[in-house]
PDB file of N, CA and C in Angstrom:
ATOM      1  N   UNK A   1       8.726   9.815  41.757  1.00  0.00           N
ATOM      2  CA  UNK A   1       9.272   9.425  40.989  1.00  0.00           C
ATOM      3  C   UNK A   1       8.410   7.845  40.558  1.00  0.00           C
ATOM      4  N   UNK A   2       8.174   8.194  39.421  1.00  0.00           N
ATOM      5  CA  UNK A   2       7.745   6.451  38.356  1.00  0.00           C
ATOM      6  C   UNK A   2       8.763   5.414  39.197  1.00  0.00           C
ATOM      7  N   UNK A   3       8.158   4.508  39.284  1.00  0.00           N
ATOM      8  CA  UNK A   3       8.749   3.110  39.243  1.00  0.00           C
ATOM      9  C   UNK A   3       8.609   2.208  37.751  1.00  0.00           C
ATOM     10  N   UNK A   4       9.937   1.459  38.198  1.00  0.00           N
ATOM     11  CA  UNK A   4       9.623   0.557  36.655  1.00  0.00           C
ATOM     12  C   UNK A   4       8.647  -0.843  37.079  1.00  0.00           C
ATOM     13  N   UNK A   5       7.578  -1.221  36.390  1.00  0.00           N
ATOM     14  CA  UNK A   5       6.767  -2.276  36.918  1.00  0.00           C
ATOM     15  C   UNK A   5       7.048  -3.571  37.594  1.00  0.00           C
ATOM     16  N   UNK A   6       8.088  -3.686  36.582  1.00  0.00           N
ATOM     17  CA  UNK A   6       9.106  -5.292  36.920  1.00  0.00           C
ATOM     18  C   UNK A   6       9.965  -5.007  37.888  1.00  0.00           C
ATOM     19  N   UNK A   7      10.960  -4.038  37.836  1.00  0.00           N
ATOM     20  CA  UNK A   7      12.086  -4.227  39.083  1.00  0.00           C
ATOM     21  C   UNK A   7      11.669  -3.401  40.341  1.00  0.00           C
ATOM     22  N   UNK A   8      10.847  -2.645  39.979  1.00  0.00           N
ATOM     23  CA  UNK A   8      10.646  -1.471  41.647  1.00  0.00           C
ATOM     24  C   UNK A   8      11.685  -0.806  41.587  1.00  0.00           C
ATOM     25  N   UNK A   9      12.033  -0.155  40.576  1.00  0.00           N
ATOM     26  CA  UNK A   9      13.086   0.909  40.859  1.00  0.00           C
ATOM     27  C   UNK A   9      12.517   2.005  40.418  1.00  0.00           C
ATOM     28  N   UNK A  10      13.375   2.592  40.809  1.00  0.00           N
ATOM     29  CA  UNK A  10      12.958   4.209  39.994  1.00  0.00           C
ATOM     30  C   UNK A  10      13.470   4.431  38.361  1.00  0.00           C
ATOM     31  N   UNK A  11      12.815   5.300  37.727  1.00  0.00           N
ATOM     32  CA  UNK A  11      13.683   5.520  36.148  1.00  0.00           C
ATOM     33  C   UNK A  11      14.287   6.589  36.609  1.00  0.00           C
ATOM     34  N   UNK A  12      15.952   6.172  36.402  1.00  0.00           N
ATOM     35  CA  UNK A  12      16.643   7.309  37.095  1.00  0.00           C
ATOM     36  C   UNK A  12      16.739   8.229  35.866  1.00  0.00           C
ATOM     37  N   UNK A  13      16.329   8.141  34.908  1.00  0.00           N
ATOM     38  CA  UNK A  13      16.394   9.237  33.663  1.00  0.00           C
ATOM     39  C   UNK A  13      15.649  10.476  33.950  1.00  0.00           C
ATOM     40  N   UNK A  14      14.213   9.753  34.936  1.00  0.00           N
ATOM     41  CA  UNK A  14      13.658  10.736  35.276  1.00  0.00           C
ATOM     42  C   UNK A  14      14.209  11.761  35.942  1.00  0.00           C
ATOM     43  N   UNK A  15      15.262  11.193  37.234  1.00  0.00           N
ATOM     44  CA  UNK A  15      15.647  12.571  37.918  1.00  0.00           C
ATOM     45  C   UNK A  15      16.281  13.253  37.154  1.00  0.00           C
ATOM     46  N   UNK A  16      16.784  13.092  36.120  1.00  0.00           N
ATOM     47  CA  UNK A  16      17.806  14.325  35.405  1.00  0.00           C
ATOM     48  C   UNK A  16      16.796  15.372  34.994  1.00  0.00           C
ATOM     49  N   UNK A  17      15.814  14.885  34.364  1.00  0.00           N
ATOM     50  CA  UNK A  17      14.639  15.766  33.805  1.00  0.00           C
ATOM     51  C   UNK A  17      14.376  16.568  34.967  1.00  0.00           C
ATOM     52  N   UNK A  18      14.074  15.593  36.136  1.00  0.00           N
ATOM     53  CA  UNK A  18      13.883  16.542  37.165  1.00  0.00           C
ATOM     54  C   UNK A  18      14.550  17.500  37.360  1.00  0.00           C
ATOM     55  N   UNK A  19      16.211  16.742  37.773  1.00  0.00           N
ATOM     56  CA  UNK A  19      16.921  17.862  38.139  1.00  0.00           C
ATOM     57  C   UNK A  19      16.979  19.240  37.141  1.00  0.00           C
ATOM     58  N   UNK A  20      16.980  18.570  36.099  1.00  0.00           N
ATOM     59  CA  UNK A  20      17.267  20.608  34.706  1.00  0.00           C
ATOM     60  C   UNK A  20      15.450  21.003  35.382  1.00  0.00           C
ATOM     61  N   UNK A  21      14.524  20.504  35.647  1.00  0.00           N
ATOM     62  CA  UNK A  21      13.168  21.395  36.131  1.00  0.00           C
ATOM     63  C   UNK A  21      14.112  22.576  37.394  1.00  0.00           C
ATOM     64  N   UNK A  22      14.157  22.049  38.037  1.00  0.00           N
ATOM     65  CA  UNK A  22      14.920  22.364  39.334  1.00  0.00           C
ATOM     66  C   UNK A  22      16.081  23.495  39.112  1.00  0.00           C
ATOM     67  N   UNK A  23      17.115  22.839  38.067  1.00  0.00           N
ATOM     68  CA  UNK A  23      17.798  24.138  37.614  1.00  0.00           C
ATOM     69  C   UNK A  23      17.217  25.139  37.024  1.00  0.00           C
ATOM     70  N   UNK A  24      16.209  25.040  36.275  1.00  0.00           N
ATOM     71  CA  UNK A  24      15.783  26.167  35.489  1.00  0.00           C
ATOM     72  C   UNK A  24      14.977  27.211  36.613  1.00  0.00           C
ATOM     73  N   UNK A  25      14.340  26.632  37.236  1.00  0.00           N
ATOM     74  CA  UNK A  25      12.909  27.310  38.270  1.00  0.00           C
ATOM     75  C   UNK A  25      14.264  28.030  39.193  1.00  0.00           C
ATOM     76  N   UNK A  26      15.491  27.456  39.828  1.00  0.00           N
ATOM     77  CA  UNK A  26      16.637  28.394  40.370  1.00  0.00           C
ATOM     78  C   UNK A  26      17.177  29.208  39.613  1.00  0.00           C
ATOM     79  N   UNK A  27      16.831  29.111  38.393  1.00  0.00           N
ATOM     80  CA  UNK A  27      18.129  30.381  37.661  1.00  0.00           C
ATOM     81  C   UNK A  27      17.114  31.456  37.817  1.00  0.00           C
ATOM     82  N   UNK A  28      15.407  30.655  37.294  1.00  0.00           N
ATOM     83  CA  UNK A  28      14.498  32.156  37.394  1.00  0.00           C
ATOM     84  C   UNK A  28      14.819  32.825  38.282  1.00  0.00           C
ATOM     85  N   UNK A  29      14.263  32.505  39.776  1.00  0.00           N
ATOM     86  CA  UNK A  29      14.336  33.065  41.057  1.00  0.00           C
ATOM     87  C   UNK A  29      15.501  33.643  41.563  1.00  0.00           C
ATOM     88  N   UNK A  30      16.553  33.143  40.604  1.00  0.00           N
ATOM     89  CA  UNK A  30      17.787  34.152  40.868  1.00  0.00           C
ATOM     90  C   UNK A  30      17.935  34.872  39.981  1.00  0.00           C
ATOM     91  N   UNK A  31      17.495  35.586  39.116  1.00  0.00           N
ATOM     92  CA  UNK A  31      17.766  36.594  38.573  1.00  0.00           C
ATOM     93  C   UNK A  31      16.233  37.946  38.794  1.00  0.00           C
ATOM     94  N   UNK A  32      15.161  37.326  39.170  1.00  0.00           N
ATOM     95  CA  UNK A  32      14.603  37.887  40.435  1.00  0.00           C
ATOM     96  C   UNK A  32      14.974  38.585  41.616  1.00  0.00           C
ATOM     97  N   UNK A  33      16.125  37.840  42.244  1.00  0.00           N
ATOM     98  CA  UNK A  33      16.440  37.646  43.386  1.00  0.00           C
ATOM     99  C   UNK A  33      15.803  37.199  44.851  1.00  0.00           C
ATOM    100  N   UNK A  34      15.065  36.043  44.480  1.00  0.00           N
ATOM    101  CA  UNK A  34      14.746  35.631  45.206  1.00  0.00           C
ATOM    102  C   UNK A  34      15.836  34.643  46.061  1.00  0.00           C
ATOM    103  N   UNK A  35      15.596  34.337  47.350  1.00  0.00           N
ATOM    104  CA  UNK A  35      17.005  33.708  47.958  1.00  0.00           C
ATOM    105  C   UNK A  35      16.960  32.294  47.405  1.00  0.00           C
ATOM    106  N   UNK A  36      15.087  31.486  47.349  1.00  0.00           N
ATOM    107  CA  UNK A  36      15.427  29.843  47.731  1.00  0.00           C
ATOM    108  C   UNK A  36      16.073  29.326  46.158  1.00  0.00           C
ATOM    109  N   UNK A  37      16.691  30.476  45.541  1.00  0.00           N
ATOM    110  CA  UNK A  37      17.310  29.867  44.091  1.00  0.00           C
ATOM    111  C   UNK A  37      18.166  28.641  44.453  1.00  0.00           C
ATOM    112  N   UNK A  38      18.902  29.066  45.438  1.00  0.00           N
ATOM    113  CA  UNK A  38      20.204  28.725  46.311  1.00  0.00           C
ATOM    114  C   UNK A  38      19.703  26.517  46.424  1.00  0.00           C
ATOM    115  N   UNK A  39      18.530  26.762  47.387  1.00  0.00           N
ATOM    116  CA  UNK A  39      18.031  25.229  47.562  1.00  0.00           C
ATOM    117  C   UNK A  39      17.663  25.125  46.282  1.00  0.00           C
ATOM    118  N   UNK A  40      16.884  25.532  45.507  1.00  0.00           N
ATOM    119  CA  UNK A  40      16.450  24.541  44.117  1.00  0.00           C
ATOM    120  C   UNK A  40      17.836  24.249  43.099  1.00  0.00           C
ATOM    121  N   UNK A  41      18.579  24.825  42.974  1.00  0.00           N
ATOM    122  CA  UNK A  41      19.561  24.801  42.436  1.00  0.00           C
ATOM    123  C   UNK A  41      21.045  23.245  43.077  1.00  0.00           C
ATOM    124  N   UNK A  42      20.365  24.285  44.129  1.00  0.00           N
ATOM    125  CA  UNK A  42      21.352  22.346  44.787  1.00  0.00           C
ATOM    126  C   UNK A  42      20.245  20.989  44.931  1.00  0.00           C
ATOM    127  N   UNK A  43      19.177  21.372  45.008  1.00  0.00           N
ATOM    128  CA  UNK A  43      18.578  20.139  44.440  1.00  0.00           C
ATOM    129  C   UNK A  43      18.484  19.737  43.370  1.00  0.00           C
ATOM    130  N   UNK A  44      18.474  20.469  42.173  1.00  0.00           N
ATOM    131  CA  UNK A  44      18.632  19.938  41.082  1.00  0.00           C
ATOM    132  C   UNK A  44      19.657  19.287  40.684  1.00  0.00           C
ATOM    133  N   UNK A  45      20.982  20.229  41.159  1.00  0.00           N
ATOM    134  CA  UNK A  45      22.090  19.163  41.465  1.00  0.00           C
ATOM    135  C   UNK A  45      22.019  17.736  41.749  1.00  0.00           C
ATOM    136  N   UNK A  46      21.808  17.687  42.451  1.00  0.00           N
ATOM    137  CA  UNK A  46      21.691  16.086  43.160  1.00  0.00           C
ATOM    138  C   UNK A  46      20.796  15.095  42.731  1.00  0.00           C
ATOM    139  N   UNK A  47      19.443  15.997  42.165  1.00  0.00           N
ATOM    140  CA  UNK A  47      18.639  14.858  41.670  1.00  0.00           C
ATOM    141  C   UNK A  47      19.804  14.534  39.703  1.00  0.00           C
ATOM    142  N   UNK A  48      20.308  15.492  39.356  1.00  0.00           N
ATOM    143  CA  UNK A  48      20.922  15.183  38.126  1.00  0.00           C
ATOM    144  C   UNK A  48      22.481  14.472  38.375  1.00  0.00           C
ATOM    145  N   UNK A  49      22.834  14.404  39.547  1.00  0.00           N
ATOM    146  CA  UNK A  49      24.036  13.319  40.206  1.00  0.00           C
ATOM    147  C   UNK A  49      24.089  12.328  40.340  1.00  0.00           C
ATOM    148  N   UNK A  50      22.320  12.407  40.911  1.00  0.00           N
ATOM    149  CA  UNK A  50      21.260  10.683  41.399  1.00  0.00           C
ATOM    150  C   UNK A  50      21.476   9.793  39.644  1.00  0.00           C
ATOM    151  N   UNK A  51      20.651  10.920  38.781  1.00  0.00           N
ATOM    152  CA  UNK A  51      20.714  10.277  37.676  1.00  0.00           C
ATOM    153  C   UNK A  51      21.757   9.805  36.595  1.00  0.00           C
ATOM    154  N   UNK A  52      22.651  10.447  36.749  1.00  0.00           N
ATOM    155  CA  UNK A  52      23.648  10.423  35.629  1.00  0.00           C
ATOM    156  C   UNK A  52      24.379   9.439  36.555  1.00  0.00           C
ATOM    157  N   UNK A  53      24.783   8.712  37.664  1.00  0.00           N
ATOM    158  CA  UNK A  53      25.440   8.190  38.537  1.00  0.00           C
ATOM    159  C   UNK A  53      24.906   6.802  38.040  1.00  0.00           C
ATOM    160  N   UNK A  54      23.459   6.341  38.075  1.00  0.00           N
ATOM    161  CA  UNK A  54      22.986   5.351  37.644  1.00  0.00           C
ATOM    162  C   UNK A  54      22.461   5.649  35.728  1.00  0.00           C
ATOM    163  N   UNK A  55      23.315   5.393  35.141  1.00  0.00           N
ATOM    164  CA  UNK A  55      23.105   5.505  33.512  1.00  0.00           C
ATOM    165  C   UNK A  55      22.627   4.646  33.131  1.00  0.00           C
ATOM    166  N   UNK A  56      23.522   3.476  33.879  1.00  0.00           N
ATOM    167  CA  UNK A  56      23.665   2.073  33.250  1.00  0.00           C
ATOM    168  C   UNK A  56      22.067   1.669  33.306  1.00  0.00           C
ATOM    169  N   UNK A  57      21.559   2.232  34.067  1.00  0.00           N
ATOM    170  CA  UNK A  57      20.544   1.861  34.066  1.00  0.00           C
ATOM    171  C   UNK A  57      18.911   2.002  33.591  1.00  0.00           C
ATOM    172  N   UNK A  58      19.056   3.242  33.351  1.00  0.00           N
ATOM    173  CA  UNK A  58      18.127   4.019  32.363  1.00  0.00           C
ATOM    174  C   UNK A  58      17.427   3.135  30.971  1.00  0.00           C
ATOM    175  N   UNK A  59      16.262   3.622  31.025  1.00  0.00           N
ATOM    176  CA  UNK A  59      15.790   2.425  29.987  1.00  0.00           C
ATOM    177  C   UNK A  59      15.885   2.694  28.399  1.00  0.00           C
ATOM    178  N   UNK A  60      16.325   1.715  28.262  1.00  0.00           N
ATOM    179  CA  UNK A  60      16.942   1.574  26.567  1.00  0.00           C
ATOM    180  C   UNK A  60      15.474   2.151  25.702  1.00  0.00           C
TER     181      UNK A  60
END
């Protein structure tokens, strides 16, 4: 993840974007029938939860 240059904190908006990508990849794998979709969707939900929980720290 990218770090903010001034505060050295991650950019939490990127967590939401990465989470959406993981959920999208997981849904593609689920339609194909490959088992790793469970892990990808789980990781996507975790990333999105971290980003949304820190929504007040998003760059304006």
